[in-house]
C-alpha cells in the first residue's frame, strides 16, 4: 500500500470523518491502522494560510476513517526508540 499514491484506493470511498484523531469505532490510533492513504493532491488552506490534508486510515476493526492532518496530536519523539538527536 502506497500512502502517497496519486489516486485514492477504493477503500477510501467508505471513510467517515473522525473528529478525534482515532478510529471512531474502536478508538485505535492512526499508528494501528492496516492501511493509510494521504490525499496530498487536494490541500486545504487554513485561516493562517497553512496547508492541511485528509489522511485516510483503514483500521484493524474494519472501520475506514479520515481526519485532517492539522488535527494530528503532537507526539513526543524523544520517547521513540529510533530517536537520534543531532
PDB file of N, CA and C in Angstrom:
ATOM      1  N   UNK A   1       0.849  -1.180   0.000  1.00  0.00           N
ATOM      2  CA  UNK A   1       0.000   0.000   0.000  1.00  0.00           C
ATOM      3  C   UNK A   1       0.886   1.233   0.000  1.00  0.00           C
ATOM      4  N   UNK A   2       0.675   2.086  -0.955  1.00  0.00           N
ATOM      5  CA  UNK A   2       1.453   3.315  -1.062  1.00  0.00           C
ATOM      6  C   UNK A   2       0.648   4.472  -0.481  1.00  0.00           C
ATOM      7  N   UNK A   3       1.042   4.961   0.675  1.00  0.00           N
ATOM      8  CA  UNK A   3       0.322   6.058   1.330  1.00  0.00           C
ATOM      9  C   UNK A   3       0.348   7.335   0.513  1.00  0.00           C
ATOM     10  N   UNK A   4       1.308   7.451  -0.418  1.00  0.00           N
ATOM     11  CA  UNK A   4       1.445   8.667  -1.215  1.00  0.00           C
ATOM     12  C   UNK A   4       1.012   8.477  -2.665  1.00  0.00           C
ATOM     13  N   UNK A   5       0.255   7.423  -2.962  1.00  0.00           N
ATOM     14  CA  UNK A   5      -0.242   7.206  -4.323  1.00  0.00           C
ATOM     15  C   UNK A   5      -1.080   8.407  -4.753  1.00  0.00           C
ATOM     16  N   UNK A   6      -1.011   8.744  -6.030  1.00  0.00           N
ATOM     17  CA  UNK A   6      -1.752   9.920  -6.512  1.00  0.00           C
ATOM     18  C   UNK A   6      -3.247   9.676  -6.598  1.00  0.00           C
ATOM     19  N   UNK A   7      -3.654   8.447  -6.860  1.00  0.00           N
ATOM     20  CA  UNK A   7      -5.080   8.134  -6.934  1.00  0.00           C
ATOM     21  C   UNK A   7      -5.523   7.439  -5.656  1.00  0.00           C
ATOM     22  N   UNK A   8      -6.712   7.787  -5.163  1.00  0.00           N
ATOM     23  CA  UNK A   8      -7.175   7.175  -3.913  1.00  0.00           C
ATOM     24  C   UNK A   8      -7.512   5.698  -4.094  1.00  0.00           C
ATOM     25  N   UNK A   9      -7.170   4.878  -3.122  1.00  0.00           N
ATOM     26  CA  UNK A   9      -7.565   3.477  -3.171  1.00  0.00           C
ATOM     27  C   UNK A   9      -9.088   3.353  -3.016  1.00  0.00           C
ATOM     28  N   UNK A  10      -9.643   2.293  -3.525  1.00  0.00           N
ATOM     29  CA  UNK A  10     -11.093   2.070  -3.487  1.00  0.00           C
ATOM     30  C   UNK A  10     -11.646   2.096  -2.059  1.00  0.00           C
ATOM     31  N   UNK A  11     -10.886   1.597  -1.097  1.00  0.00           N
ATOM     32  CA  UNK A  11     -11.393   1.503   0.269  1.00  0.00           C
ATOM     33  C   UNK A  11     -11.658   2.860   0.907  1.00  0.00           C
ATOM     34  N   UNK A  12     -11.085   3.939   0.373  1.00  0.00           N
ATOM     35  CA  UNK A  12     -11.312   5.273   0.955  1.00  0.00           C
ATOM     36  C   UNK A  12     -12.727   5.780   0.705  1.00  0.00           C
ATOM     37  N   UNK A  13     -13.451   5.186  -0.251  1.00  0.00           N
ATOM     38  CA  UNK A  13     -14.810   5.638  -0.568  1.00  0.00           C
ATOM     39  C   UNK A  13     -15.780   5.484   0.590  1.00  0.00           C
ATOM     40  N   UNK A  14     -15.521   4.581   1.501  1.00  0.00           N
ATOM     41  CA  UNK A  14     -16.430   4.343   2.618  1.00  0.00           C
ATOM     42  C   UNK A  14     -15.988   5.050   3.904  1.00  0.00           C
ATOM     43  N   UNK A  15     -15.020   5.935   3.811  1.00  0.00           N
ATOM     44  CA  UNK A  15     -14.468   6.592   5.006  1.00  0.00           C
ATOM     45  C   UNK A  15     -15.469   7.535   5.661  1.00  0.00           C
ATOM     46  N   UNK A  16     -15.414   7.560   6.984  1.00  0.00           N
ATOM     47  CA  UNK A  16     -16.207   8.509   7.764  1.00  0.00           C
ATOM     48  C   UNK A  16     -15.248   9.466   8.468  1.00  0.00           C
ATOM     49  N   UNK A  17     -15.715  10.682   8.694  1.00  0.00           N
ATOM     50  CA  UNK A  17     -14.877  11.702   9.326  1.00  0.00           C
ATOM     51  C   UNK A  17     -14.771  11.424  10.822  1.00  0.00           C
ATOM     52  N   UNK A  18     -13.558  11.283  11.298  1.00  0.00           N
ATOM     53  CA  UNK A  18     -13.302  11.110  12.727  1.00  0.00           C
ATOM     54  C   UNK A  18     -12.944  12.474  13.301  1.00  0.00           C
ATOM     55  N   UNK A  19     -13.720  12.961  14.238  1.00  0.00           N
ATOM     56  CA  UNK A  19     -13.475  14.284  14.801  1.00  0.00           C
ATOM     57  C   UNK A  19     -12.387  14.273  15.863  1.00  0.00           C
ATOM     58  N   UNK A  20     -12.093  13.104  16.416  1.00  0.00           N
ATOM     59  CA  UNK A  20     -10.909  12.916  17.241  1.00  0.00           C
ATOM     60  C   UNK A  20      -9.945  12.130  16.369  1.00  0.00           C
ATOM     61  N   UNK A  21      -8.666  12.280  16.557  1.00  0.00           N
ATOM     62  CA  UNK A  21      -7.704  11.635  15.659  1.00  0.00           C
ATOM     63  C   UNK A  21      -7.491  10.181  16.064  1.00  0.00           C
ATOM     64  N   UNK A  22      -8.574   9.395  15.940  1.00  0.00           N
ATOM     65  CA  UNK A  22      -8.528   7.965  16.219  1.00  0.00           C
ATOM     66  C   UNK A  22      -9.729   7.319  15.546  1.00  0.00           C
ATOM     67  N   UNK A  23      -9.740   6.004  15.521  1.00  0.00           N
ATOM     68  CA  UNK A  23     -10.861   5.284  14.922  1.00  0.00           C
ATOM     69  C   UNK A  23     -12.130   5.603  15.711  1.00  0.00           C
ATOM     70  N   UNK A  24     -13.189   6.054  15.044  1.00  0.00           N
ATOM     71  CA  UNK A  24     -14.422   6.378  15.769  1.00  0.00           C
ATOM     72  C   UNK A  24     -15.138   5.143  16.306  1.00  0.00           C
ATOM     73  N   UNK A  25     -14.757   3.955  15.847  1.00  0.00           N
ATOM     74  CA  UNK A  25     -15.414   2.730  16.292  1.00  0.00           C
ATOM     75  C   UNK A  25     -14.715   2.115  17.505  1.00  0.00           C
ATOM     76  N   UNK A  26     -13.405   1.869  17.396  1.00  0.00           N
ATOM     77  CA  UNK A  26     -12.683   1.184  18.479  1.00  0.00           C
ATOM     78  C   UNK A  26     -11.656   2.074  19.180  1.00  0.00           C
ATOM     79  N   UNK A  27     -11.487   3.304  18.716  1.00  0.00           N
ATOM     80  CA  UNK A  27     -10.580   4.302  19.299  1.00  0.00           C
ATOM     81  C   UNK A  27      -9.094   3.947  19.171  1.00  0.00           C
ATOM     82  N   UNK A  28      -8.755   3.094  18.217  1.00  0.00           N
ATOM     83  CA  UNK A  28      -7.345   2.796  17.945  1.00  0.00           C
ATOM     84  C   UNK A  28      -6.687   4.013  17.310  1.00  0.00           C
ATOM     85  N   UNK A  29      -5.395   4.146  17.505  1.00  0.00           N
ATOM     86  CA  UNK A  29      -4.671   5.282  16.941  1.00  0.00           C
ATOM     87  C   UNK A  29      -4.380   5.057  15.460  1.00  0.00           C
ATOM     88  N   UNK A  30      -3.941   6.104  14.805  1.00  0.00           N
ATOM     89  CA  UNK A  30      -3.587   6.003  13.388  1.00  0.00           C
ATOM     90  C   UNK A  30      -2.416   5.045  13.179  1.00  0.00           C
ATOM     91  N   UNK A  31      -1.556   4.902  14.162  1.00  0.00           N
ATOM     92  CA  UNK A  31      -0.401   4.000  14.049  1.00  0.00           C
ATOM     93  C   UNK A  31      -0.809   2.536  14.020  1.00  0.00           C
ATOM     94  N   UNK A  32      -2.021   2.245  14.464  1.00  0.00           N
ATOM     95  CA  UNK A  32      -2.506   0.866  14.479  1.00  0.00           C
ATOM     96  C   UNK A  32      -3.266   0.499  13.211  1.00  0.00           C
ATOM     97  N   UNK A  33      -3.400   1.433  12.282  1.00  0.00           N
ATOM     98  CA  UNK A  33      -4.154   1.186  11.050  1.00  0.00           C
ATOM     99  C   UNK A  33      -3.441   0.175  10.160  1.00  0.00           C
ATOM    100  N   UNK A  34      -4.228  -0.605   9.432  1.00  0.00           N
ATOM    101  CA  UNK A  34      -3.670  -1.579   8.492  1.00  0.00           C
ATOM    102  C   UNK A  34      -3.271  -0.934   7.175  1.00  0.00           C
ATOM    103  N   UNK A  35      -4.003   0.107   6.773  1.00  0.00           N
ATOM    104  CA  UNK A  35      -3.714   0.812   5.524  1.00  0.00           C
ATOM    105  C   UNK A  35      -3.825   2.311   5.768  1.00  0.00           C
ATOM    106  N   UNK A  36      -3.052   3.073   4.998  1.00  0.00           N
ATOM    107  CA  UNK A  36      -3.048   4.533   5.121  1.00  0.00           C
ATOM    108  C   UNK A  36      -2.963   5.136   3.728  1.00  0.00           C
ATOM    109  N   UNK A  37      -3.705   6.216   3.513  1.00  0.00           N
ATOM    110  CA  UNK A  37      -3.562   6.985   2.273  1.00  0.00           C
ATOM    111  C   UNK A  37      -3.703   8.460   2.610  1.00  0.00           C
ATOM    112  N   UNK A  38      -2.786   9.287   2.114  1.00  0.00           N
ATOM    113  CA  UNK A  38      -2.797  10.730   2.345  1.00  0.00           C
ATOM    114  C   UNK A  38      -3.217  11.433   1.066  1.00  0.00           C
ATOM    115  N   UNK A  39      -4.257  12.240   1.154  1.00  0.00           N
ATOM    116  CA  UNK A  39      -4.760  12.969  -0.009  1.00  0.00           C
ATOM    117  C   UNK A  39      -3.982  14.272  -0.157  1.00  0.00           C
ATOM    118  N   UNK A  40      -2.795  14.180  -0.709  1.00  0.00           N
ATOM    119  CA  UNK A  40      -1.935  15.359  -0.841  1.00  0.00           C
ATOM    120  C   UNK A  40      -2.187  16.117  -2.132  1.00  0.00           C
ATOM    121  N   UNK A  41      -3.082  15.632  -2.974  1.00  0.00           N
ATOM    122  CA  UNK A  41      -3.402  16.328  -4.223  1.00  0.00           C
ATOM    123  C   UNK A  41      -4.374  17.478  -4.003  1.00  0.00           C
ATOM    124  N   UNK A  42      -5.092  17.457  -2.899  1.00  0.00           N
ATOM    125  CA  UNK A  42      -6.122  18.469  -2.660  1.00  0.00           C
ATOM    126  C   UNK A  42      -5.959  19.120  -1.293  1.00  0.00           C
ATOM    127  N   UNK A  43      -4.879  19.863  -1.074  1.00  0.00           N
ATOM    128  CA  UNK A  43      -4.721  20.510   0.235  1.00  0.00           C
ATOM    129  C   UNK A  43      -5.750  21.621   0.424  1.00  0.00           C
ATOM    130  N   UNK A  44      -6.057  21.879   1.669  1.00  0.00           N
ATOM    131  CA  UNK A  44      -6.966  22.960   2.044  1.00  0.00           C
ATOM    132  C   UNK A  44      -6.138  23.984   2.802  1.00  0.00           C
ATOM    133  N   UNK A  45      -6.370  25.259   2.531  1.00  0.00           N
ATOM    134  CA  UNK A  45      -5.667  26.318   3.256  1.00  0.00           C
ATOM    135  C   UNK A  45      -6.474  26.729   4.476  1.00  0.00           C
ATOM    136  N   UNK A  46      -5.801  26.833   5.609  1.00  0.00           N
ATOM    137  CA  UNK A  46      -6.451  27.286   6.835  1.00  0.00           C
ATOM    138  C   UNK A  46      -6.461  28.812   6.870  1.00  0.00           C
ATOM    139  N   UNK A  47      -7.085  29.361   7.903  1.00  0.00           N
ATOM    140  CA  UNK A  47      -7.165  30.818   8.034  1.00  0.00           C
ATOM    141  C   UNK A  47      -5.788  31.470   8.095  1.00  0.00           C
ATOM    142  N   UNK A  48      -4.823  30.773   8.684  1.00  0.00           N
ATOM    143  CA  UNK A  48      -3.466  31.326   8.796  1.00  0.00           C
ATOM    144  C   UNK A  48      -2.565  30.889   7.633  1.00  0.00           C
ATOM    145  N   UNK A  49      -3.187  30.495   6.523  1.00  0.00           N
ATOM    146  CA  UNK A  49      -2.509  30.172   5.255  1.00  0.00           C
ATOM    147  C   UNK A  49      -1.626  28.920   5.329  1.00  0.00           C
ATOM    148  N   UNK A  50      -1.918  28.033   6.240  1.00  0.00           N
ATOM    149  CA  UNK A  50      -1.207  26.757   6.308  1.00  0.00           C
ATOM    150  C   UNK A  50      -2.014  25.705   5.555  1.00  0.00           C
ATOM    151  N   UNK A  51      -1.328  24.703   5.050  1.00  0.00           N
ATOM    152  CA  UNK A  51      -1.993  23.623   4.333  1.00  0.00           C
ATOM    153  C   UNK A  51      -2.346  22.487   5.281  1.00  0.00           C
ATOM    154  N   UNK A  52      -3.462  21.848   4.983  1.00  0.00           N
ATOM    155  CA  UNK A  52      -3.820  20.622   5.685  1.00  0.00           C
ATOM    156  C   UNK A  52      -4.378  19.644   4.656  1.00  0.00           C
ATOM    157  N   UNK A  53      -4.230  18.352   4.953  1.00  0.00           N
ATOM    158  CA  UNK A  53      -4.652  17.296   4.043  1.00  0.00           C
ATOM    159  C   UNK A  53      -5.568  16.334   4.764  1.00  0.00           C
ATOM    160  N   UNK A  54      -6.343  15.607   3.962  1.00  0.00           N
ATOM    161  CA  UNK A  54      -7.116  14.500   4.506  1.00  0.00           C
ATOM    162  C   UNK A  54      -6.194  13.289   4.613  1.00  0.00           C
ATOM    163  N   UNK A  55      -6.245  12.628   5.762  1.00  0.00           N
ATOM    164  CA  UNK A  55      -5.500  11.396   5.989  1.00  0.00           C
ATOM    165  C   UNK A  55      -6.525  10.285   6.190  1.00  0.00           C
ATOM    166  N   UNK A  56      -6.429   9.244   5.394  1.00  0.00           N
ATOM    167  CA  UNK A  56      -7.379   8.135   5.436  1.00  0.00           C
ATOM    168  C   UNK A  56      -6.729   6.920   6.086  1.00  0.00           C
ATOM    169  N   UNK A  57      -7.494   6.241   6.932  1.00  0.00           N
ATOM    170  CA  UNK A  57      -6.993   5.077   7.659  1.00  0.00           C
ATOM    171  C   UNK A  57      -7.981   3.918   7.573  1.00  0.00           C
ATOM    172  N   UNK A  58      -7.452   2.735   7.324  1.00  0.00           N
ATOM    173  CA  UNK A  58      -8.238   1.503   7.345  1.00  0.00           C
ATOM    174  C   UNK A  58      -7.856   0.786   8.631  1.00  0.00           C
ATOM    175  N   UNK A  59      -8.752   0.831   9.591  1.00  0.00           N
ATOM    176  CA  UNK A  59      -8.468   0.297  10.924  1.00  0.00           C
ATOM    177  C   UNK A  59      -8.552  -1.228  10.939  1.00  0.00           C
ATOM    178  N   UNK A  60      -7.862  -1.828  11.887  1.00  0.00           N
ATOM    179  CA  UNK A  60      -7.893  -3.287  12.039  1.00  0.00           C
ATOM    180  C   UNK A  60      -9.284  -3.796  12.386  1.00  0.00           C
ATOM    181  N   UNK A  61     -10.178  -2.931  12.889  1.00  0.00           N
ATOM    182  CA  UNK A  61     -11.548  -3.344  13.214  1.00  0.00           C
ATOM    183  C   UNK A  61     -12.461  -3.302  11.988  1.00  0.00           C
ATOM    184  N   UNK A  62     -11.930  -2.828  10.846  1.00  0.00           N
ATOM    185  CA  UNK A  62     -12.716  -2.766   9.618  1.00  0.00           C
ATOM    186  C   UNK A  62     -13.301  -1.402   9.315  1.00  0.00           C
ATOM    187  N   UNK A  63     -13.180  -0.466  10.235  1.00  0.00           N
ATOM    188  CA  UNK A  63     -13.685   0.890  10.027  1.00  0.00           C
ATOM    189  C   UNK A  63     -12.693   1.687   9.193  1.00  0.00           C
ATOM    190  N   UNK A  64     -13.210   2.432   8.235  1.00  0.00           N
ATOM    191  CA  UNK A  64     -12.378   3.324   7.431  1.00  0.00           C
ATOM    192  C   UNK A  64     -12.717   4.740   7.862  1.00  0.00           C
ATOM    193  N   UNK A  65     -11.711   5.486   8.277  1.00  0.00           N
ATOM    194  CA  UNK A  65     -11.942   6.839   8.779  1.00  0.00           C
ATOM    195  C   UNK A  65     -10.917   7.793   8.208  1.00  0.00           C
ATOM    196  N   UNK A  66     -11.278   9.076   8.263  1.00  0.00           N
ATOM    197  CA  UNK A  66     -10.335  10.106   7.828  1.00  0.00           C
ATOM    198  C   UNK A  66     -10.373  11.252   8.825  1.00  0.00           C
ATOM    199  N   UNK A  67      -9.269  11.994   8.858  1.00  0.00           N
ATOM    200  CA  UNK A  67      -9.156  13.183   9.703  1.00  0.00           C
ATOM    201  C   UNK A  67      -8.205  14.155   9.016  1.00  0.00           C
ATOM    202  N   UNK A  68      -8.270  15.404   9.428  1.00  0.00           N
ATOM    203  CA  UNK A  68      -7.372  16.421   8.871  1.00  0.00           C
ATOM    204  C   UNK A  68      -5.976  16.252   9.455  1.00  0.00           C
ATOM    205  N   UNK A  69      -4.971  16.456   8.629  1.00  0.00           N
ATOM    206  CA  UNK A  69      -3.583  16.367   9.090  1.00  0.00           C
ATOM    207  C   UNK A  69      -3.313  17.361  10.214  1.00  0.00           C
ATOM    208  N   UNK A  70      -3.996  18.489  10.198  1.00  0.00           N
ATOM    209  CA  UNK A  70      -3.804  19.511  11.234  1.00  0.00           C
ATOM    210  C   UNK A  70      -4.373  19.079  12.585  1.00  0.00           C
ATOM    211  N   UNK A  71      -5.214  18.043  12.603  1.00  0.00           N
ATOM    212  CA  UNK A  71      -5.792  17.541  13.851  1.00  0.00           C
ATOM    213  C   UNK A  71      -4.947  16.451  14.495  1.00  0.00           C
ATOM    214  N   UNK A  72      -3.871  16.072  13.822  1.00  0.00           N
ATOM    215  CA  UNK A  72      -2.991  15.039  14.371  1.00  0.00           C
ATOM    216  C   UNK A  72      -2.414  15.536  15.696  1.00  0.00           C
ATOM    217  N   UNK A  73      -2.518  14.729  16.752  1.00  0.00           N
ATOM    218  CA  UNK A  73      -1.989  15.175  18.044  1.00  0.00           C
ATOM    219  C   UNK A  73      -0.466  15.242  18.028  1.00  0.00           C
ATOM    220  N   UNK A  74       0.102  16.175  18.780  1.00  0.00           N
ATOM    221  CA  UNK A  74       1.564  16.240  18.862  1.00  0.00           C
ATOM    222  C   UNK A  74       2.080  14.993  19.578  1.00  0.00           C
ATOM    223  N   UNK A  75       3.267  14.585  19.223  1.00  0.00           N
ATOM    224  CA  UNK A  75       3.845  13.422  19.885  1.00  0.00           C
ATOM    225  C   UNK A  75       5.230  13.773  20.383  1.00  0.00           C
ATOM    226  N   UNK A  76       5.634  13.100  21.400  1.00  0.00           N
ATOM    227  CA  UNK A  76       6.957  13.306  21.968  1.00  0.00           C
ATOM    228  C   UNK A  76       7.905  12.321  21.300  1.00  0.00           C
ATOM    229  N   UNK A  77       8.657  12.788  20.304  1.00  0.00           N
ATOM    230  CA  UNK A  77       9.533  11.874  19.578  1.00  0.00           C
ATOM    231  C   UNK A  77      10.720  11.416  20.411  1.00  0.00           C
ATOM    232  N   UNK A  78      10.989  12.109  21.508  1.00  0.00           N
ATOM    233  CA  UNK A  78      12.114  11.677  22.337  1.00  0.00           C
ATOM    234  C   UNK A  78      11.826  10.337  23.005  1.00  0.00           C
ATOM    235  N   UNK A  79      10.561   9.923  23.073  1.00  0.00           N
ATOM    236  CA  UNK A  79      10.210   8.629  23.658  1.00  0.00           C
ATOM    237  C   UNK A  79      10.301   7.494  22.652  1.00  0.00           C
ATOM    238  N   UNK A  80      10.586   7.800  21.406  1.00  0.00           N
ATOM    239  CA  UNK A  80      10.659   6.784  20.368  1.00  0.00           C
ATOM    240  C   UNK A  80      12.027   6.107  20.402  1.00  0.00           C
ATOM    241  N   UNK A  81      12.075   4.783  20.208  1.00  0.00           N
ATOM    242  CA  UNK A  81      13.356   4.066  20.291  1.00  0.00           C
ATOM    243  C   UNK A  81      14.351   4.448  19.204  1.00  0.00           C
ATOM    244  N   UNK A  82      13.888   4.958  18.059  1.00  0.00           N
ATOM    245  CA  UNK A  82      14.810   5.302  16.981  1.00  0.00           C
ATOM    246  C   UNK A  82      15.151   6.789  16.971  1.00  0.00           C
ATOM    247  N   UNK A  83      14.913   7.478  18.056  1.00  0.00           N
ATOM    248  CA  UNK A  83      15.199   8.906  18.155  1.00  0.00           C
ATOM    249  C   UNK A  83      16.703   9.123  18.269  1.00  0.00           C
ATOM    250  N   UNK A  84      17.267   9.898  17.344  1.00  0.00           N
ATOM    251  CA  UNK A  84      18.702  10.188  17.339  1.00  0.00           C
ATOM    252  C   UNK A  84      18.920  11.687  17.212  1.00  0.00           C
ATOM    253  N   UNK A  85      19.042  12.407  18.317  1.00  0.00           N
ATOM    254  CA  UNK A  85      19.263  13.855  18.208  1.00  0.00           C
ATOM    255  C   UNK A  85      20.621  14.156  17.587  1.00  0.00           C
ATOM    256  N   UNK A  86      20.680  15.261  16.864  1.00  0.00           N
ATOM    257  CA  UNK A  86      21.949  15.649  16.237  1.00  0.00           C
ATOM    258  C   UNK A  86      22.653  16.705  17.046  1.00  0.00           C
TER     259      UNK A  86
END
